[in-house]
Amino acid sequence: MPLDVQEGSVEAGLDALDTPVDTTEGSRVRRIAARVLPPIGAVVVLVAIWQALWAAAFWPEFKLPAPAAVWSQIWQLVTSGDIAELFWVSVHRAVIGFAISLLIAVPLGLAIANLTVVRRGIGPLVSGLQSLPSVAWVPAAILWFGLNDRAIYWVVLLGAVPSIANGLVSGLDQVPPILPRVGKALGAGRFGGIRYILLPAALPGFLGGLKQGWAFSWRSLMAAELIATSPELGEGLGQYLHNGMSLSDISMVFAGIVLIFVVGVGIELLVFRPLENTVLKARGLGPAR
């Protein structure tokens, strides 16, 4: 066999190895069904178990409501239009708090990852703040700022910033040392190396930190809304949950829990999952399952 033909075969084989292989068979409908049906099935099974436990009356109804009663509470919110206000108050706070956290956490993470003095001095404090439950900051935030949005945003920041910063540091620590050296040899300065080499190389790990940061941000917000209740703050999902507790209405409490869960899953599926798939696809990897 001629040498050029052998070389062409080798190159074609290497290209085939580099090309992601789609192992999913069938039509587009089947692929969508393969992604949609499993979670729907899990929800159906969970509701069926819930209904069976309620029907068996192991607990009184003021402790375990019927799924139909919880759905009735949610449907009442939908028909009255109150659900839009609940979602708006909580989600826009979470988004604003997360955006501010991102602006603070990225420079902080870069400083910790690139400056030894900062890592030794501030790194352990950031890790300690991440392990501290953000609900512990709610009483102090109320005393410092009063019952207003500043207190809530403070709690959200203290919950999200350490997680995002540590995620960025973890991603940067996994970047091969040869990459910044090559960039420096090619003339990249400190900021150019960070922008064009370190941050793109650390992006997969950083995305994990962003997802975790959003989770901490959302949980911190719910904790703040549960405790810091005031008419001036409006009624978010946490306030709705608190009202259900105050009224001893367990179906209202469960409805609040379900709505909080729906928002968390929705943000994951609509924002972070497509973003993660885009990054993986750009790197020649398969989509996140």
C-alpha atoms as a PDB file:
ATOM      1  CA  MET A   1       0.000   0.000   0.000  1.00  0.00           C
ATOM      2  CA  PRO A   2       1.440   3.431  -0.919  1.00  0.00           C
ATOM      3  CA  LEU A   3       2.665   5.603   1.924  1.00  0.00           C
ATOM      4  CA  ASP A   4       0.287   8.482   1.178  1.00  0.00           C
ATOM      5  CA  VAL A   5      -2.698   6.123   1.285  1.00  0.00           C
ATOM      6  CA  GLN A   6      -1.557   4.789   4.670  1.00  0.00           C
ATOM      7  CA  GLU A   7      -1.148   8.318   5.995  1.00  0.00           C
ATOM      8  CA  GLY A   8      -4.634   9.209   4.775  1.00  0.00           C
ATOM      9  CA  SER A   9      -6.093   6.183   6.528  1.00  0.00           C
ATOM     10  CA  VAL A  10      -4.337   7.061   9.764  1.00  0.00           C
ATOM     11  CA  GLU A  11      -5.609  10.657   9.613  1.00  0.00           C
ATOM     12  CA  ALA A  12      -9.135   9.462   8.890  1.00  0.00           C
ATOM     13  CA  GLY A  13      -8.930   7.090  11.838  1.00  0.00           C
ATOM     14  CA  LEU A  14      -7.711   9.851  14.151  1.00  0.00           C
ATOM     15  CA  ASP A  15     -10.491  12.158  12.962  1.00  0.00           C
ATOM     16  CA  ALA A  16     -13.014   9.429  13.713  1.00  0.00           C
ATOM     17  CA  LEU A  17     -11.615   9.097  17.215  1.00  0.00           C
ATOM     18  CA  ASP A  18     -11.856  12.861  17.774  1.00  0.00           C
ATOM     19  CA  THR A  19     -15.437  13.050  16.507  1.00  0.00           C
ATOM     20  CA  PRO A  20     -18.097  12.614  19.210  1.00  0.00           C
ATOM     21  CA  VAL A  21     -20.232   9.567  18.557  1.00  0.00           C
ATOM     22  CA  ASP A  22     -23.928   9.887  19.128  1.00  0.00           C
ATOM     23  CA  THR A  23     -24.921   6.606  20.752  1.00  0.00           C
ATOM     24  CA  THR A  24     -28.619   7.508  20.833  1.00  0.00           C
ATOM     25  CA  GLU A  25     -30.596   5.552  18.238  1.00  0.00           C
ATOM     26  CA  GLY A  26     -33.919   6.318  16.688  1.00  0.00           C
ATOM     27  CA  SER A  27     -35.705   9.425  15.609  1.00  0.00           C
ATOM     28  CA  ARG A  28     -35.735  12.816  17.232  1.00  0.00           C
ATOM     29  CA  VAL A  29     -39.005  11.925  18.962  1.00  0.00           C
ATOM     30  CA  ARG A  30     -37.358   8.911  20.566  1.00  0.00           C
ATOM     31  CA  ARG A  31     -34.409  10.995  21.727  1.00  0.00           C
ATOM     32  CA  ILE A  32     -36.722  13.552  23.299  1.00  0.00           C
ATOM     33  CA  ALA A  33     -38.780  10.792  24.881  1.00  0.00           C
ATOM     34  CA  ALA A  34     -35.622   9.227  26.301  1.00  0.00           C
ATOM     35  CA  ARG A  35     -34.895  12.482  28.117  1.00  0.00           C
ATOM     36  CA  VAL A  36     -38.427  13.486  29.112  1.00  0.00           C
ATOM     37  CA  LEU A  37     -40.105  10.242  30.092  1.00  0.00           C
ATOM     38  CA  PRO A  38     -37.726   9.123  32.899  1.00  0.00           C
ATOM     39  CA  PRO A  39     -38.221  12.244  35.075  1.00  0.00           C
ATOM     40  CA  ILE A  40     -41.965  12.239  34.361  1.00  0.00           C
ATOM     41  CA  GLY A  41     -42.089   8.596  35.361  1.00  0.00           C
ATOM     42  CA  ALA A  42     -40.194   9.335  38.555  1.00  0.00           C
ATOM     43  CA  VAL A  43     -42.641  12.112  39.446  1.00  0.00           C
ATOM     44  CA  VAL A  44     -45.611   9.822  38.769  1.00  0.00           C
ATOM     45  CA  VAL A  45     -44.143   7.106  40.999  1.00  0.00           C
ATOM     46  CA  LEU A  46     -43.423   9.634  43.755  1.00  0.00           C
ATOM     47  CA  VAL A  47     -46.968  11.043  43.638  1.00  0.00           C
ATOM     48  CA  ALA A  48     -48.400   7.507  43.639  1.00  0.00           C
ATOM     49  CA  ILE A  49     -46.405   6.637  46.779  1.00  0.00           C
ATOM     50  CA  TRP A  50     -47.523   9.910  48.352  1.00  0.00           C
ATOM     51  CA  GLN A  51     -51.166   9.152  47.507  1.00  0.00           C
ATOM     52  CA  ALA A  52     -50.850   5.624  48.920  1.00  0.00           C
ATOM     53  CA  LEU A  53     -49.362   6.897  52.184  1.00  0.00           C
ATOM     54  CA  TRP A  54     -52.127   9.482  52.492  1.00  0.00           C
ATOM     55  CA  ALA A  55     -54.824   6.892  51.764  1.00  0.00           C
ATOM     56  CA  ALA A  56     -53.323   4.524  54.350  1.00  0.00           C
ATOM     57  CA  ALA A  57     -53.726   7.287  56.951  1.00  0.00           C
ATOM     58  CA  PHE A  58     -50.445   6.559  58.719  1.00  0.00           C
ATOM     59  CA  TRP A  59     -50.375  10.238  59.698  1.00  0.00           C
ATOM     60  CA  PRO A  60     -53.249  12.676  60.301  1.00  0.00           C
ATOM     61  CA  GLU A  61     -54.134  14.935  57.392  1.00  0.00           C
ATOM     62  CA  PHE A  62     -52.802  18.030  59.124  1.00  0.00           C
ATOM     63  CA  LYS A  63     -49.358  16.418  58.846  1.00  0.00           C
ATOM     64  CA  LEU A  64     -49.579  14.790  55.403  1.00  0.00           C
ATOM     65  CA  PRO A  65     -51.990  16.392  52.925  1.00  0.00           C
ATOM     66  CA  ALA A  66     -53.431  14.679  49.884  1.00  0.00           C
ATOM     67  CA  PRO A  67     -51.731  15.414  46.545  1.00  0.00           C
ATOM     68  CA  ALA A  68     -55.070  16.739  45.293  1.00  0.00           C
ATOM     69  CA  ALA A  69     -55.194  19.286  48.135  1.00  0.00           C
ATOM     70  CA  VAL A  70     -51.705  20.521  47.301  1.00  0.00           C
ATOM     71  CA  TRP A  71     -52.576  20.745  43.614  1.00  0.00           C
ATOM     72  CA  SER A  72     -55.709  22.698  44.547  1.00  0.00           C
ATOM     73  CA  GLN A  73     -53.540  25.250  46.370  1.00  0.00           C
ATOM     74  CA  ILE A  74     -51.230  25.606  43.366  1.00  0.00           C
ATOM     75  CA  TRP A  75     -54.130  25.860  40.921  1.00  0.00           C
ATOM     76  CA  GLN A  76     -55.713  28.567  43.058  1.00  0.00           C
ATOM     77  CA  LEU A  77     -52.490  30.558  42.802  1.00  0.00           C
ATOM     78  CA  VAL A  78     -52.480  30.061  39.026  1.00  0.00           C
ATOM     79  CA  THR A  79     -56.092  31.105  38.484  1.00  0.00           C
ATOM     80  CA  SER A  80     -55.795  34.134  40.766  1.00  0.00           C
ATOM     81  CA  GLY A  81     -52.559  35.263  39.131  1.00  0.00           C
ATOM     82  CA  ASP A  82     -50.735  35.336  42.469  1.00  0.00           C
ATOM     83  CA  ILE A  83     -48.234  32.746  41.289  1.00  0.00           C
ATOM     84  CA  ALA A  84     -46.675  35.284  38.914  1.00  0.00           C
ATOM     85  CA  GLU A  85     -45.998  37.679  41.797  1.00  0.00           C
ATOM     86  CA  LEU A  86     -44.533  34.880  43.935  1.00  0.00           C
ATOM     87  CA  PHE A  87     -42.190  33.817  41.158  1.00  0.00           C
ATOM     88  CA  TRP A  88     -41.239  37.378  40.229  1.00  0.00           C
ATOM     89  CA  VAL A  89     -40.399  38.492  43.771  1.00  0.00           C
ATOM     90  CA  SER A  90     -38.199  35.481  44.506  1.00  0.00           C
ATOM     91  CA  VAL A  91     -36.636  34.781  41.101  1.00  0.00           C
ATOM     92  CA  HIS A  92     -35.652  38.366  40.338  1.00  0.00           C
ATOM     93  CA  ARG A  93     -34.032  38.644  43.780  1.00  0.00           C
ATOM     94  CA  ALA A  94     -32.133  35.420  43.177  1.00  0.00           C
ATOM     95  CA  VAL A  95     -30.967  36.529  39.723  1.00  0.00           C
ATOM     96  CA  ILE A  96     -29.815  39.946  40.935  1.00  0.00           C
ATOM     97  CA  GLY A  97     -28.074  38.439  43.953  1.00  0.00           C
ATOM     98  CA  PHE A  98     -26.412  35.792  41.787  1.00  0.00           C
ATOM     99  CA  ALA A  99     -25.218  38.410  39.268  1.00  0.00           C
ATOM    100  CA  ILE A 100     -23.698  40.564  42.021  1.00  0.00           C
ATOM    101  CA  SER A 101     -22.120  37.451  43.544  1.00  0.00           C
ATOM    102  CA  LEU A 102     -20.568  36.640  40.174  1.00  0.00           C
ATOM    103  CA  LEU A 103     -19.036  40.106  39.890  1.00  0.00           C
ATOM    104  CA  ILE A 104     -17.475  39.711  43.334  1.00  0.00           C
ATOM    105  CA  ALA A 105     -16.525  36.026  43.179  1.00  0.00           C
ATOM    106  CA  VAL A 106     -14.660  36.013  39.839  1.00  0.00           C
ATOM    107  CA  PRO A 107     -11.979  38.577  40.826  1.00  0.00           C
ATOM    108  CA  LEU A 108     -11.778  36.964  44.263  1.00  0.00           C
ATOM    109  CA  GLY A 109     -11.294  33.495  42.772  1.00  0.00           C
ATOM    110  CA  LEU A 110      -8.676  34.767  40.327  1.00  0.00           C
ATOM    111  CA  ALA A 111      -6.769  36.435  43.172  1.00  0.00           C
ATOM    112  CA  ILE A 112      -6.860  33.289  45.320  1.00  0.00           C
ATOM    113  CA  ALA A 113      -5.760  31.072  42.425  1.00  0.00           C
ATOM    114  CA  ASN A 114      -2.900  33.290  41.204  1.00  0.00           C
ATOM    115  CA  LEU A 115      -1.548  34.991  44.333  1.00  0.00           C
ATOM    116  CA  THR A 116       0.020  32.761  46.974  1.00  0.00           C
ATOM    117  CA  VAL A 117      -0.363  35.335  49.736  1.00  0.00           C
ATOM    118  CA  VAL A 118      -4.063  35.747  49.023  1.00  0.00           C
ATOM    119  CA  ARG A 119      -4.593  31.983  48.863  1.00  0.00           C
ATOM    120  CA  ARG A 120      -2.927  31.448  52.229  1.00  0.00           C
ATOM    121  CA  GLY A 121      -4.659  34.390  53.866  1.00  0.00           C
ATOM    122  CA  ILE A 122      -8.159  34.441  52.386  1.00  0.00           C
ATOM    123  CA  GLY A 123      -8.560  30.960  50.912  1.00  0.00           C
ATOM    124  CA  PRO A 124      -9.356  29.212  54.228  1.00  0.00           C
ATOM    125  CA  LEU A 125     -11.797  31.999  55.159  1.00  0.00           C
ATOM    126  CA  VAL A 126     -13.687  31.604  51.876  1.00  0.00           C
ATOM    127  CA  SER A 127     -13.873  27.837  52.347  1.00  0.00           C
ATOM    128  CA  GLY A 128     -15.099  28.365  55.907  1.00  0.00           C
ATOM    129  CA  LEU A 129     -17.804  30.761  54.736  1.00  0.00           C
ATOM    130  CA  GLN A 130     -18.945  28.190  52.198  1.00  0.00           C
ATOM    131  CA  SER A 131     -19.441  25.593  54.923  1.00  0.00           C
ATOM    132  CA  LEU A 132     -21.289  28.073  57.166  1.00  0.00           C
ATOM    133  CA  PRO A 133     -25.078  27.839  56.745  1.00  0.00           C
ATOM    134  CA  SER A 134     -26.221  31.107  55.221  1.00  0.00           C
ATOM    135  CA  VAL A 135     -29.315  31.129  57.440  1.00  0.00           C
ATOM    136  CA  ALA A 136     -26.965  31.988  60.311  1.00  0.00           C
ATOM    137  CA  TRP A 137     -26.453  35.420  58.696  1.00  0.00           C
ATOM    138  CA  VAL A 138     -30.156  36.301  58.601  1.00  0.00           C
ATOM    139  CA  PRO A 139     -30.455  37.646  62.185  1.00  0.00           C
ATOM    140  CA  ALA A 140     -27.303  39.743  61.791  1.00  0.00           C
ATOM    141  CA  ALA A 141     -28.445  41.052  58.401  1.00  0.00           C
ATOM    142  CA  ILE A 142     -31.805  42.112  59.867  1.00  0.00           C
ATOM    143  CA  LEU A 143     -30.064  43.943  62.727  1.00  0.00           C
ATOM    144  CA  TRP A 144     -27.623  45.632  60.343  1.00  0.00           C
ATOM    145  CA  PHE A 145     -29.945  46.604  57.488  1.00  0.00           C
ATOM    146  CA  GLY A 146     -33.476  46.162  58.832  1.00  0.00           C
ATOM    147  CA  LEU A 147     -36.311  44.292  57.135  1.00  0.00           C
ATOM    148  CA  ASN A 148     -35.548  45.293  53.549  1.00  0.00           C
ATOM    149  CA  ASP A 149     -34.013  43.945  50.369  1.00  0.00           C
ATOM    150  CA  ARG A 150     -30.479  44.837  51.455  1.00  0.00           C
ATOM    151  CA  ALA A 151     -30.673  42.300  54.261  1.00  0.00           C
ATOM    152  CA  ILE A 152     -31.850  39.605  51.851  1.00  0.00           C
ATOM    153  CA  TYR A 153     -29.190  40.391  49.245  1.00  0.00           C
ATOM    154  CA  TRP A 154     -26.512  40.300  51.945  1.00  0.00           C
ATOM    155  CA  VAL A 155     -27.531  36.778  52.908  1.00  0.00           C
ATOM    156  CA  VAL A 156     -27.609  35.712  49.247  1.00  0.00           C
ATOM    157  CA  LEU A 157     -24.119  37.123  48.641  1.00  0.00           C
ATOM    158  CA  LEU A 158     -22.631  35.346  51.626  1.00  0.00           C
ATOM    159  CA  GLY A 159     -24.187  32.114  50.410  1.00  0.00           C
ATOM    160  CA  ALA A 160     -23.169  32.348  46.736  1.00  0.00           C
ATOM    161  CA  VAL A 161     -19.826  34.189  46.602  1.00  0.00           C
ATOM    162  CA  PRO A 162     -17.714  31.568  48.439  1.00  0.00           C
ATOM    163  CA  SER A 163     -19.119  28.740  46.326  1.00  0.00           C
ATOM    164  CA  ILE A 164     -18.521  30.500  43.001  1.00  0.00           C
ATOM    165  CA  ALA A 165     -15.033  31.624  44.032  1.00  0.00           C
ATOM    166  CA  ASN A 166     -14.039  28.130  45.176  1.00  0.00           C
ATOM    167  CA  GLY A 167     -15.435  26.652  41.957  1.00  0.00           C
ATOM    168  CA  LEU A 168     -13.270  29.011  39.909  1.00  0.00           C
ATOM    169  CA  VAL A 169     -10.212  28.237  42.031  1.00  0.00           C
ATOM    170  CA  SER A 170     -10.811  24.511  41.598  1.00  0.00           C
ATOM    171  CA  GLY A 171     -11.124  24.910  37.837  1.00  0.00           C
ATOM    172  CA  LEU A 172      -7.952  27.017  37.605  1.00  0.00           C
ATOM    173  CA  ASP A 173      -6.008  24.538  39.720  1.00  0.00           C
ATOM    174  CA  GLN A 174      -6.811  21.829  37.158  1.00  0.00           C
ATOM    175  CA  VAL A 175      -5.389  23.808  34.230  1.00  0.00           C
ATOM    176  CA  PRO A 176      -2.138  22.169  33.007  1.00  0.00           C
ATOM    177  CA  PRO A 177       0.812  24.417  33.919  1.00  0.00           C
ATOM    178  CA  ILE A 178       2.138  24.194  30.370  1.00  0.00           C
ATOM    179  CA  LEU A 179      -0.758  26.285  29.013  1.00  0.00           C
ATOM    180  CA  PRO A 180       0.056  29.578  30.795  1.00  0.00           C
ATOM    181  CA  ARG A 181       3.754  29.007  30.006  1.00  0.00           C
ATOM    182  CA  VAL A 182       2.992  28.651  26.307  1.00  0.00           C
ATOM    183  CA  GLY A 183       0.837  31.749  26.446  1.00  0.00           C
ATOM    184  CA  LYS A 184       3.617  33.711  28.101  1.00  0.00           C
ATOM    185  CA  ALA A 185       6.108  32.474  25.500  1.00  0.00           C
ATOM    186  CA  LEU A 186       3.768  33.678  22.762  1.00  0.00           C
ATOM    187  CA  GLY A 187       3.621  37.138  24.301  1.00  0.00           C
ATOM    188  CA  ALA A 188       0.474  37.007  26.422  1.00  0.00           C
ATOM    189  CA  GLY A 189       0.607  39.313  29.424  1.00  0.00           C
ATOM    190  CA  ARG A 190      -0.904  38.605  32.830  1.00  0.00           C
ATOM    191  CA  PHE A 191      -4.402  39.788  31.924  1.00  0.00           C
ATOM    192  CA  GLY A 192      -4.235  38.344  28.428  1.00  0.00           C
ATOM    193  CA  GLY A 193      -3.203  34.989  29.817  1.00  0.00           C
ATOM    194  CA  ILE A 194      -6.096  35.054  32.269  1.00  0.00           C
ATOM    195  CA  ARG A 195      -8.640  36.051  29.627  1.00  0.00           C
ATOM    196  CA  TYR A 196      -7.540  33.867  26.721  1.00  0.00           C
ATOM    197  CA  ILE A 197      -5.909  30.883  28.440  1.00  0.00           C
ATOM    198  CA  LEU A 198      -6.783  30.368  32.109  1.00  0.00           C
ATOM    199  CA  LEU A 199     -10.489  31.202  32.073  1.00  0.00           C
ATOM    200  CA  PRO A 200     -11.338  29.178  28.923  1.00  0.00           C
ATOM    201  CA  ALA A 201      -9.313  26.216  30.208  1.00  0.00           C
ATOM    202  CA  ALA A 202     -10.995  26.390  33.619  1.00  0.00           C
ATOM    203  CA  LEU A 203     -14.503  26.825  32.174  1.00  0.00           C
ATOM    204  CA  PRO A 204     -15.839  23.282  32.837  1.00  0.00           C
ATOM    205  CA  GLY A 205     -14.849  23.422  36.514  1.00  0.00           C
ATOM    206  CA  PHE A 206     -16.083  27.003  36.738  1.00  0.00           C
ATOM    207  CA  LEU A 207     -19.491  25.954  35.401  1.00  0.00           C
ATOM    208  CA  GLY A 208     -19.726  23.444  38.238  1.00  0.00           C
ATOM    209  CA  GLY A 209     -19.003  26.285  40.651  1.00  0.00           C
ATOM    210  CA  LEU A 210     -21.676  28.427  38.994  1.00  0.00           C
ATOM    211  CA  LYS A 211     -24.287  25.690  39.377  1.00  0.00           C
ATOM    212  CA  GLN A 212     -23.358  25.215  42.995  1.00  0.00           C
ATOM    213  CA  GLY A 213     -23.318  28.976  43.505  1.00  0.00           C
ATOM    214  CA  TRP A 214     -26.853  29.255  42.109  1.00  0.00           C
ATOM    215  CA  ALA A 215     -27.992  26.457  44.425  1.00  0.00           C
ATOM    216  CA  PHE A 216     -26.476  28.252  47.424  1.00  0.00           C
ATOM    217  CA  SER A 217     -27.962  31.542  46.236  1.00  0.00           C
ATOM    218  CA  TRP A 218     -31.448  30.047  45.917  1.00  0.00           C
ATOM    219  CA  ARG A 219     -31.278  28.299  49.294  1.00  0.00           C
ATOM    220  CA  SER A 220     -29.953  31.444  50.967  1.00  0.00           C
ATOM    221  CA  LEU A 221     -32.784  33.475  49.480  1.00  0.00           C
ATOM    222  CA  MET A 222     -35.420  31.035  50.709  1.00  0.00           C
ATOM    223  CA  ALA A 223     -33.897  31.065  54.204  1.00  0.00           C
ATOM    224  CA  ALA A 224     -33.911  34.875  54.236  1.00  0.00           C
ATOM    225  CA  GLU A 225     -37.499  35.123  52.973  1.00  0.00           C
ATOM    226  CA  LEU A 226     -38.666  32.597  55.554  1.00  0.00           C
ATOM    227  CA  ILE A 227     -37.260  34.615  58.449  1.00  0.00           C
ATOM    228  CA  ALA A 228     -37.247  38.213  57.204  1.00  0.00           C
ATOM    229  CA  THR A 229     -40.956  38.725  56.593  1.00  0.00           C
ATOM    230  CA  SER A 230     -42.442  42.159  56.100  1.00  0.00           C
ATOM    231  CA  PRO A 231     -45.156  43.735  53.905  1.00  0.00           C
ATOM    232  CA  GLU A 232     -42.488  46.047  52.481  1.00  0.00           C
ATOM    233  CA  LEU A 233     -40.584  43.047  51.112  1.00  0.00           C
ATOM    234  CA  GLY A 234     -43.490  41.703  49.102  1.00  0.00           C
ATOM    235  CA  GLU A 235     -44.594  38.078  49.079  1.00  0.00           C
ATOM    236  CA  GLY A 236     -42.107  35.658  47.584  1.00  0.00           C
ATOM    237  CA  LEU A 237     -42.040  31.891  47.748  1.00  0.00           C
ATOM    238  CA  GLY A 238     -40.329  31.913  51.142  1.00  0.00           C
ATOM    239  CA  GLN A 239     -42.939  34.303  52.528  1.00  0.00           C
ATOM    240  CA  TYR A 240     -45.687  32.099  51.083  1.00  0.00           C
ATOM    241  CA  LEU A 241     -44.166  29.092  52.840  1.00  0.00           C
ATOM    242  CA  HIS A 242     -43.963  31.069  56.084  1.00  0.00           C
ATOM    243  CA  ASN A 243     -47.620  32.092  55.747  1.00  0.00           C
ATOM    244  CA  GLY A 244     -48.615  28.445  55.368  1.00  0.00           C
ATOM    245  CA  MET A 245     -46.768  27.606  58.566  1.00  0.00           C
ATOM    246  CA  SER A 246     -48.370  30.513  60.415  1.00  0.00           C
ATOM    247  CA  LEU A 247     -51.830  29.396  59.278  1.00  0.00           C
ATOM    248  CA  SER A 248     -51.070  25.733  60.127  1.00  0.00           C
ATOM    249  CA  ASP A 249     -52.082  24.915  56.554  1.00  0.00           C
ATOM    250  CA  ILE A 250     -49.984  21.893  55.584  1.00  0.00           C
ATOM    251  CA  SER A 251     -51.299  21.828  52.014  1.00  0.00           C
ATOM    252  CA  MET A 252     -50.134  25.419  51.587  1.00  0.00           C
ATOM    253  CA  VAL A 253     -46.741  24.487  53.017  1.00  0.00           C
ATOM    254  CA  PHE A 254     -46.392  21.570  50.591  1.00  0.00           C
ATOM    255  CA  ALA A 255     -47.480  23.793  47.704  1.00  0.00           C
ATOM    256  CA  GLY A 256     -44.720  26.256  48.604  1.00  0.00           C
ATOM    257  CA  ILE A 257     -42.160  23.440  48.729  1.00  0.00           C
ATOM    258  CA  VAL A 258     -43.265  22.166  45.320  1.00  0.00           C
ATOM    259  CA  LEU A 259     -43.038  25.641  43.750  1.00  0.00           C
ATOM    260  CA  ILE A 260     -39.566  26.217  45.202  1.00  0.00           C
ATOM    261  CA  PHE A 261     -38.495  22.848  43.805  1.00  0.00           C
ATOM    262  CA  VAL A 262     -39.962  23.661  40.388  1.00  0.00           C
ATOM    263  CA  VAL A 263     -37.977  26.900  40.163  1.00  0.00           C
ATOM    264  CA  GLY A 264     -34.749  25.125  41.101  1.00  0.00           C
ATOM    265  CA  VAL A 265     -35.241  22.378  38.514  1.00  0.00           C
ATOM    266  CA  GLY A 266     -36.402  24.870  35.888  1.00  0.00           C
ATOM    267  CA  ILE A 267     -33.288  27.034  36.200  1.00  0.00           C
ATOM    268  CA  GLU A 268     -31.111  23.921  35.961  1.00  0.00           C
ATOM    269  CA  LEU A 269     -32.836  22.648  32.809  1.00  0.00           C
ATOM    270  CA  LEU A 270     -33.361  25.986  31.054  1.00  0.00           C
ATOM    271  CA  VAL A 271     -30.092  27.763  31.891  1.00  0.00           C
ATOM    272  CA  PHE A 272     -27.270  25.609  33.207  1.00  0.00           C
ATOM    273  CA  ARG A 273     -27.920  22.390  31.243  1.00  0.00           C
ATOM    274  CA  PRO A 274     -27.872  24.122  27.803  1.00  0.00           C
ATOM    275  CA  LEU A 275     -24.822  26.140  28.841  1.00  0.00           C
ATOM    276  CA  GLU A 276     -23.040  22.998  29.985  1.00  0.00           C
ATOM    277  CA  ASN A 277     -23.940  21.154  26.775  1.00  0.00           C
ATOM    278  CA  THR A 278     -22.636  24.060  24.688  1.00  0.00           C
ATOM    279  CA  VAL A 279     -19.284  24.015  26.495  1.00  0.00           C
ATOM    280  CA  LEU A 280     -18.980  20.230  26.230  1.00  0.00           C
ATOM    281  CA  LYS A 281     -19.894  20.287  22.541  1.00  0.00           C
ATOM    282  CA  ALA A 282     -17.295  22.974  21.848  1.00  0.00           C
ATOM    283  CA  ARG A 283     -14.684  20.714  23.442  1.00  0.00           C
ATOM    284  CA  GLY A 284     -15.675  17.679  21.413  1.00  0.00           C
ATOM    285  CA  LEU A 285     -17.458  15.938  24.291  1.00  0.00           C
ATOM    286  CA  GLY A 286     -20.931  14.499  24.473  1.00  0.00           C
ATOM    287  CA  PRO A 287     -23.844  16.422  26.004  1.00  0.00           C
ATOM    288  CA  ALA A 288     -24.558  16.191  29.709  1.00  0.00           C
ATOM    289  CA  ARG A 289     -27.067  13.455  30.426  1.00  0.00           C
END
